[in-house]
Amino acid sequence: MITGTEDRMMDPENSRLLASRIPGARLHLVEGAGHLFFQERPQEVNEVLLEFFLD
């Protein structure tokens, strides 16, 4: 899971809870990003996704 720490539409705490309940889930918090974290920090998000898919 990936979420922005400043997301005002979906509290990042919800992502923490969800990730804790999914076996093997990973959570990456994009510091300072909001709900559109993938547009705000595309390089960081792409790196996280690539690492996940290559694992």
PDB file of N, CA and C in Angstrom:
ATOM      1  N   MET A   1       0.835  -1.152   0.000  1.00  0.00           N
ATOM      2  CA  MET A   1       0.000   0.000   0.000  1.00  0.00           C
ATOM      3  C   MET A   1       0.891   1.230   0.000  1.00  0.00           C
ATOM      4  N   ILE A   2       0.403   2.254  -0.675  1.00  0.00           N
ATOM      5  CA  ILE A   2       1.112   3.531  -0.728  1.00  0.00           C
ATOM      6  C   ILE A   2       0.094   4.618  -0.424  1.00  0.00           C
ATOM      7  N   THR A   3       0.474   5.539   0.420  1.00  0.00           N
ATOM      8  CA  THR A   3      -0.411   6.661   0.731  1.00  0.00           C
ATOM      9  C   THR A   3       0.418   7.884   1.097  1.00  0.00           C
ATOM     10  N   GLY A   4      -0.190   9.029   0.956  1.00  0.00           N
ATOM     11  CA  GLY A   4       0.476  10.269   1.334  1.00  0.00           C
ATOM     12  C   GLY A   4       0.215  10.598   2.795  1.00  0.00           C
ATOM     13  N   THR A   5       1.220  11.124   3.457  1.00  0.00           N
ATOM     14  CA  THR A   5       1.060  11.450   4.880  1.00  0.00           C
ATOM     15  C   THR A   5       0.106  12.610   5.110  1.00  0.00           C
ATOM     16  N   GLU A   6      -0.132  13.416   4.078  1.00  0.00           N
ATOM     17  CA  GLU A   6      -1.011  14.581   4.212  1.00  0.00           C
ATOM     18  C   GLU A   6      -2.347  14.389   3.493  1.00  0.00           C
ATOM     19  N   ASP A   7      -2.725  13.133   3.254  1.00  0.00           N
ATOM     20  CA  ASP A   7      -3.991  12.830   2.573  1.00  0.00           C
ATOM     21  C   ASP A   7      -5.151  13.236   3.467  1.00  0.00           C
ATOM     22  N   ARG A   8      -5.982  14.144   2.987  1.00  0.00           N
ATOM     23  CA  ARG A   8      -7.127  14.617   3.769  1.00  0.00           C
ATOM     24  C   ARG A   8      -8.418  13.905   3.388  1.00  0.00           C
ATOM     25  N   MET A   9      -8.380  13.096   2.316  1.00  0.00           N
ATOM     26  CA  MET A   9      -9.573  12.352   1.909  1.00  0.00           C
ATOM     27  C   MET A   9      -9.620  10.984   2.586  1.00  0.00           C
ATOM     28  N   MET A  10      -8.456  10.365   2.714  1.00  0.00           N
ATOM     29  CA  MET A  10      -8.336   9.062   3.365  1.00  0.00           C
ATOM     30  C   MET A  10      -7.214   9.170   4.391  1.00  0.00           C
ATOM     31  N   ASP A  11      -7.580   9.141   5.637  1.00  0.00           N
ATOM     32  CA  ASP A  11      -6.595   9.261   6.713  1.00  0.00           C
ATOM     33  C   ASP A  11      -5.542   8.159   6.576  1.00  0.00           C
ATOM     34  N   PRO A  12      -4.258   8.521   6.560  1.00  0.00           N
ATOM     35  CA  PRO A  12      -3.206   7.514   6.459  1.00  0.00           C
ATOM     36  C   PRO A  12      -3.296   6.435   7.546  1.00  0.00           C
ATOM     37  N   GLU A  13      -3.931   6.758   8.645  1.00  0.00           N
ATOM     38  CA  GLU A  13      -4.101   5.761   9.710  1.00  0.00           C
ATOM     39  C   GLU A  13      -4.940   4.583   9.215  1.00  0.00           C
ATOM     40  N   ASN A  14      -5.884   4.846   8.311  1.00  0.00           N
ATOM     41  CA  ASN A  14      -6.677   3.757   7.725  1.00  0.00           C
ATOM     42  C   ASN A  14      -5.784   2.804   6.943  1.00  0.00           C
ATOM     43  N   SER A  15      -4.828   3.349   6.223  1.00  0.00           N
ATOM     44  CA  SER A  15      -3.901   2.511   5.460  1.00  0.00           C
ATOM     45  C   SER A  15      -3.026   1.688   6.394  1.00  0.00           C
ATOM     46  N   ARG A  16      -2.600   2.289   7.488  1.00  0.00           N
ATOM     47  CA  ARG A  16      -1.801   1.540   8.476  1.00  0.00           C
ATOM     48  C   ARG A  16      -2.602   0.357   9.021  1.00  0.00           C
ATOM     49  N   LEU A  17      -3.848   0.614   9.364  1.00  0.00           N
ATOM     50  CA  LEU A  17      -4.705  -0.438   9.908  1.00  0.00           C
ATOM     51  C   LEU A  17      -4.920  -1.543   8.878  1.00  0.00           C
ATOM     52  N   LEU A  18      -5.255  -1.158   7.663  1.00  0.00           N
ATOM     53  CA  LEU A  18      -5.500  -2.137   6.610  1.00  0.00           C
ATOM     54  C   LEU A  18      -4.254  -2.970   6.339  1.00  0.00           C
ATOM     55  N   ALA A  19      -3.112  -2.325   6.233  1.00  0.00           N
ATOM     56  CA  ALA A  19      -1.864  -3.048   5.976  1.00  0.00           C
ATOM     57  C   ALA A  19      -1.535  -4.016   7.106  1.00  0.00           C
ATOM     58  N   SER A  20      -1.867  -3.638   8.328  1.00  0.00           N
ATOM     59  CA  SER A  20      -1.579  -4.518   9.468  1.00  0.00           C
ATOM     60  C   SER A  20      -2.452  -5.765   9.456  1.00  0.00           C
ATOM     61  N   ARG A  21      -3.551  -5.717   8.727  1.00  0.00           N
ATOM     62  CA  ARG A  21      -4.485  -6.851   8.694  1.00  0.00           C
ATOM     63  C   ARG A  21      -4.343  -7.719   7.451  1.00  0.00           C
ATOM     64  N   ILE A  22      -3.484  -7.327   6.540  1.00  0.00           N
ATOM     65  CA  ILE A  22      -3.261  -8.104   5.321  1.00  0.00           C
ATOM     66  C   ILE A  22      -1.904  -8.790   5.438  1.00  0.00           C
ATOM     67  N   PRO A  23      -1.896 -10.120   5.508  1.00  0.00           N
ATOM     68  CA  PRO A  23      -0.625 -10.832   5.633  1.00  0.00           C
ATOM     69  C   PRO A  23       0.326 -10.482   4.482  1.00  0.00           C
ATOM     70  N   GLY A  24       1.542 -10.134   4.831  1.00  0.00           N
ATOM     71  CA  GLY A  24       2.558  -9.823   3.837  1.00  0.00           C
ATOM     72  C   GLY A  24       2.453  -8.437   3.225  1.00  0.00           C
ATOM     73  N   ALA A  25       1.493  -7.646   3.669  1.00  0.00           N
ATOM     74  CA  ALA A  25       1.320  -6.303   3.101  1.00  0.00           C
ATOM     75  C   ALA A  25       2.479  -5.404   3.500  1.00  0.00           C
ATOM     76  N   ARG A  26       2.771  -4.467   2.627  1.00  0.00           N
ATOM     77  CA  ARG A  26       3.776  -3.442   2.900  1.00  0.00           C
ATOM     78  C   ARG A  26       3.078  -2.096   2.832  1.00  0.00           C
ATOM     79  N   LEU A  27       3.551  -1.166   3.611  1.00  0.00           N
ATOM     80  CA  LEU A  27       3.000   0.185   3.593  1.00  0.00           C
ATOM     81  C   LEU A  27       4.137   1.168   3.371  1.00  0.00           C
ATOM     82  N   HIS A  28       3.961   2.028   2.392  1.00  0.00           N
ATOM     83  CA  HIS A  28       4.934   3.094   2.137  1.00  0.00           C
ATOM     84  C   HIS A  28       4.211   4.417   2.275  1.00  0.00           C
ATOM     85  N   LEU A  29       4.707   5.270   3.152  1.00  0.00           N
ATOM     86  CA  LEU A  29       4.133   6.599   3.344  1.00  0.00           C
ATOM     87  C   LEU A  29       4.953   7.614   2.560  1.00  0.00           C
ATOM     88  N   VAL A  30       4.284   8.352   1.692  1.00  0.00           N
ATOM     89  CA  VAL A  30       4.942   9.381   0.897  1.00  0.00           C
ATOM     90  C   VAL A  30       4.868  10.673   1.708  1.00  0.00           C
ATOM     91  N   GLU A  31       5.991  11.043   2.297  1.00  0.00           N
ATOM     92  CA  GLU A  31       6.047  12.200   3.195  1.00  0.00           C
ATOM     93  C   GLU A  31       5.632  13.493   2.494  1.00  0.00           C
ATOM     94  N   GLY A  32       4.706  14.194   3.117  1.00  0.00           N
ATOM     95  CA  GLY A  32       4.282  15.494   2.632  1.00  0.00           C
ATOM     96  C   GLY A  32       3.310  15.472   1.470  1.00  0.00           C
ATOM     97  N   ALA A  33       2.980  14.288   0.965  1.00  0.00           N
ATOM     98  CA  ALA A  33       2.077  14.182  -0.182  1.00  0.00           C
ATOM     99  C   ALA A  33       0.644  13.978   0.290  1.00  0.00           C
ATOM    100  N   GLY A  34      -0.274  14.393  -0.557  1.00  0.00           N
ATOM    101  CA  GLY A  34      -1.690  14.260  -0.242  1.00  0.00           C
ATOM    102  C   GLY A  34      -2.320  13.072  -0.945  1.00  0.00           C
ATOM    103  N   HIS A  35      -3.612  13.201  -1.251  1.00  0.00           N
ATOM    104  CA  HIS A  35      -4.383  12.122  -1.861  1.00  0.00           C
ATOM    105  C   HIS A  35      -3.846  11.741  -3.244  1.00  0.00           C
ATOM    106  N   LEU A  36      -3.292  12.693  -3.955  1.00  0.00           N
ATOM    107  CA  LEU A  36      -2.750  12.422  -5.292  1.00  0.00           C
ATOM    108  C   LEU A  36      -1.237  12.232  -5.236  1.00  0.00           C
ATOM    109  N   PHE A  37      -0.803  11.424  -4.268  1.00  0.00           N
ATOM    110  CA  PHE A  37       0.623  11.185  -4.037  1.00  0.00           C
ATOM    111  C   PHE A  37       1.347  10.734  -5.298  1.00  0.00           C
ATOM    112  N   PHE A  38       0.669   9.976  -6.149  1.00  0.00           N
ATOM    113  CA  PHE A  38       1.287   9.449  -7.368  1.00  0.00           C
ATOM    114  C   PHE A  38       1.567  10.554  -8.387  1.00  0.00           C
ATOM    115  N   GLN A  39       0.827  11.658  -8.320  1.00  0.00           N
ATOM    116  CA  GLN A  39       1.113  12.798  -9.191  1.00  0.00           C
ATOM    117  C   GLN A  39       2.130  13.744  -8.545  1.00  0.00           C
ATOM    118  N   GLU A  40       2.084  13.813  -7.230  1.00  0.00           N
ATOM    119  CA  GLU A  40       2.992  14.703  -6.509  1.00  0.00           C
ATOM    120  C   GLU A  40       4.415  14.168  -6.461  1.00  0.00           C
ATOM    121  N   ARG A  41       4.559  12.858  -6.349  1.00  0.00           N
ATOM    122  CA  ARG A  41       5.881  12.224  -6.228  1.00  0.00           C
ATOM    123  C   ARG A  41       5.968  10.989  -7.140  1.00  0.00           C
ATOM    124  N   PRO A  42       5.828  11.175  -8.451  1.00  0.00           N
ATOM    125  CA  PRO A  42       5.793  10.014  -9.353  1.00  0.00           C
ATOM    126  C   PRO A  42       7.059   9.161  -9.312  1.00  0.00           C
ATOM    127  N   GLN A  43       8.222   9.773  -9.200  1.00  0.00           N
ATOM    128  CA  GLN A  43       9.464   8.999  -9.186  1.00  0.00           C
ATOM    129  C   GLN A  43       9.521   8.092  -7.955  1.00  0.00           C
ATOM    130  N   GLU A  44       9.185   8.635  -6.807  1.00  0.00           N
ATOM    131  CA  GLU A  44       9.202   7.844  -5.570  1.00  0.00           C
ATOM    132  C   GLU A  44       8.213   6.686  -5.653  1.00  0.00           C
ATOM    133  N   VAL A  45       7.016   6.971  -6.138  1.00  0.00           N
ATOM    134  CA  VAL A  45       5.986   5.930  -6.247  1.00  0.00           C
ATOM    135  C   VAL A  45       6.430   4.849  -7.230  1.00  0.00           C
ATOM    136  N   ASN A  46       6.983   5.248  -8.368  1.00  0.00           N
ATOM    137  CA  ASN A  46       7.459   4.267  -9.345  1.00  0.00           C
ATOM    138  C   ASN A  46       8.548   3.382  -8.764  1.00  0.00           C
ATOM    139  N   GLU A  47       9.447   3.951  -7.987  1.00  0.00           N
ATOM    140  CA  GLU A  47      10.517   3.161  -7.368  1.00  0.00           C
ATOM    141  C   GLU A  47       9.955   2.149  -6.378  1.00  0.00           C
ATOM    142  N   VAL A  48       8.972   2.561  -5.589  1.00  0.00           N
ATOM    143  CA  VAL A  48       8.349   1.655  -4.619  1.00  0.00           C
ATOM    144  C   VAL A  48       7.641   0.519  -5.350  1.00  0.00           C
ATOM    145  N   LEU A  49       6.902   0.850  -6.403  1.00  0.00           N
ATOM    146  CA  LEU A  49       6.188  -0.175  -7.170  1.00  0.00           C
ATOM    147  C   LEU A  49       7.154  -1.133  -7.853  1.00  0.00           C
ATOM    148  N   LEU A  50       8.207  -0.604  -8.440  1.00  0.00           N
ATOM    149  CA  LEU A  50       9.187  -1.452  -9.112  1.00  0.00           C
ATOM    150  C   LEU A  50       9.830  -2.417  -8.121  1.00  0.00           C
ATOM    151  N   GLU A  51      10.212  -1.921  -6.969  1.00  0.00           N
ATOM    152  CA  GLU A  51      10.804  -2.783  -5.939  1.00  0.00           C
ATOM    153  C   GLU A  51       9.828  -3.890  -5.538  1.00  0.00           C
ATOM    154  N   PHE A  52       8.552  -3.529  -5.385  1.00  0.00           N
ATOM    155  CA  PHE A  52       7.536  -4.515  -5.005  1.00  0.00           C
ATOM    156  C   PHE A  52       7.399  -5.595  -6.082  1.00  0.00           C
ATOM    157  N   PHE A  53       7.288  -5.179  -7.344  1.00  0.00           N
ATOM    158  CA  PHE A  53       7.089  -6.144  -8.431  1.00  0.00           C
ATOM    159  C   PHE A  53       8.308  -7.025  -8.659  1.00  0.00           C
ATOM    160  N   LEU A  54       9.495  -6.507  -8.394  1.00  0.00           N
ATOM    161  CA  LEU A  54      10.710  -7.295  -8.593  1.00  0.00           C
ATOM    162  C   LEU A  54      11.004  -8.239  -7.431  1.00  0.00           C
ATOM    163  N   ASP A  55      10.353  -8.026  -6.322  1.00  0.00           N
ATOM    164  CA  ASP A  55      10.581  -8.860  -5.134  1.00  0.00           C
ATOM    165  C   ASP A  55       9.974 -10.235  -5.264  1.00  0.00           C
TER     166      ASP A  55
END
